[in-house]
Amino acid sequence: MSRRCELTGKGPMSGNNVSHAKNRTRRRFLPNLNDVSLQSEMLGRTFKFRISAAALRSVDHRGGLDAYLAKAKDTELSISAQKVKKDIAKAQATAA
């Protein structure tokens, strides 16, 4: 399981630990990932994702999973999130 957000694509960054004596050693900054279940109103079911806390706030801000995925770029989404986005688009096309 990779340390990458399934909705935003955020991953680990690298940087330095800096001591009081200004000694620098390499370190990794890991994203704050959480396992969450998000519900799609269009499909009427829940999906499990491993997303960052910032992505969870963005989903809430945009008004839910359906609205977030409608605006999200396919290059940032994981394969499972792309499938969900495609299913939501199909459901919206048949409903209209």
Protein backbone atom coordinates (compact mmCIF):
# COMPACT_ATOMS: atom_id res chain seq x y z
CA MET A 1 0.00 0.00 0.00
CA SER A 2 1.63 3.22 -1.12
CA ARG A 3 1.68 6.38 0.93
CA ARG A 4 -0.23 8.39 -1.66
CA CYS A 5 -3.61 10.12 -1.45
CA GLU A 6 -6.12 8.52 -3.83
CA LEU A 7 -7.90 11.80 -4.62
CA THR A 8 -5.19 14.46 -4.70
CA GLY A 9 -2.09 12.41 -5.48
CA LYS A 10 -0.15 13.82 -2.52
CA GLY A 11 2.85 11.69 -1.62
CA PRO A 12 5.92 11.78 0.61
CA MET A 13 8.28 14.76 0.36
CA SER A 14 11.91 14.83 1.37
CA GLY A 15 13.77 17.43 3.37
CA ASN A 16 16.27 17.91 6.16
CA ASN A 17 16.30 17.46 9.90
CA VAL A 18 18.20 20.49 11.17
CA SER A 19 19.79 20.25 14.60
CA HIS A 20 20.63 23.15 16.89
CA ALA A 21 24.20 22.95 15.56
CA LYS A 22 22.81 23.19 12.00
CA ASN A 23 23.73 19.59 11.14
CA ARG A 24 21.49 18.41 8.33
CA THR A 25 20.30 14.84 7.82
CA ARG A 26 17.76 13.70 5.24
CA ARG A 27 14.21 12.84 6.30
CA ARG A 28 10.80 12.20 4.77
CA PHE A 29 7.62 14.20 5.32
CA LEU A 30 4.69 11.77 5.01
CA PRO A 31 1.17 12.91 4.13
CA ASN A 32 -1.56 12.67 6.78
CA LEU A 33 -3.51 9.73 5.29
CA ASN A 34 -6.78 8.40 6.68
CA ASP A 35 -8.95 5.43 5.69
CA VAL A 36 -12.44 6.85 5.08
CA SER A 37 -15.72 5.73 3.56
CA LEU A 38 -17.27 8.37 1.32
CA GLN A 39 -20.85 8.13 0.08
CA SER A 40 -21.95 8.90 -3.46
CA GLU A 41 -25.46 10.37 -3.61
CA MET A 42 -25.79 9.58 -7.32
CA LEU A 43 -24.92 5.88 -6.96
CA GLY A 44 -26.37 5.45 -3.48
CA ARG A 45 -23.42 3.53 -2.07
CA THR A 46 -20.20 4.08 -0.14
CA PHE A 47 -16.61 3.76 -1.31
CA LYS A 48 -13.48 3.24 0.79
CA PHE A 49 -10.54 5.50 0.05
CA ARG A 50 -7.18 6.29 1.64
CA ILE A 51 -7.04 10.07 1.42
CA SER A 52 -5.23 12.95 3.08
CA ALA A 53 -6.88 15.14 5.68
CA ALA A 54 -6.66 18.08 3.26
CA ALA A 55 -8.52 16.08 0.60
CA LEU A 56 -11.25 15.23 3.10
CA ARG A 57 -11.74 18.94 3.79
CA SER A 58 -11.84 19.61 0.04
CA VAL A 59 -14.52 16.95 -0.46
CA ASP A 60 -16.64 18.55 2.27
CA HIS A 61 -16.05 22.03 0.83
CA ARG A 62 -17.13 21.07 -2.69
CA GLY A 63 -20.30 19.39 -1.44
CA GLY A 64 -19.56 15.68 -1.43
CA LEU A 65 -17.75 12.98 -3.36
CA ASP A 66 -19.76 13.42 -6.58
CA ALA A 67 -19.01 17.13 -6.86
CA TYR A 68 -15.34 16.64 -5.98
CA LEU A 69 -14.77 13.93 -8.59
CA ALA A 70 -16.58 15.95 -11.27
CA LYS A 71 -13.93 18.69 -11.00
CA ALA A 72 -10.92 16.45 -10.27
CA LYS A 73 -8.26 15.76 -12.90
CA ASP A 74 -7.86 12.13 -13.94
CA THR A 75 -4.07 12.34 -13.63
CA GLU A 76 -4.31 13.00 -9.86
CA LEU A 77 -6.88 10.27 -9.13
CA SER A 78 -6.04 6.65 -8.38
CA ILE A 79 -7.37 3.90 -10.65
CA SER A 80 -10.19 3.04 -8.23
CA ALA A 81 -11.20 6.71 -7.93
CA GLN A 82 -11.21 7.00 -11.74
CA LYS A 83 -13.61 4.05 -11.95
CA VAL A 84 -15.93 5.67 -9.40
CA LYS A 85 -15.80 8.95 -11.36
CA LYS A 86 -16.70 7.10 -14.56
CA ASP A 87 -19.63 5.31 -12.88
CA ILE A 88 -20.96 8.61 -11.51
CA ALA A 89 -20.72 10.22 -14.94
CA LYS A 90 -22.67 7.29 -16.46
CA ALA A 91 -25.37 7.54 -13.78
CA GLN A 92 -25.73 11.29 -14.37
CA ALA A 93 -26.00 10.77 -18.14
CA THR A 94 -28.77 8.18 -17.77
CA ALA A 95 -30.64 10.30 -15.20
CA ALA A 96 -30.71 13.34 -17.47
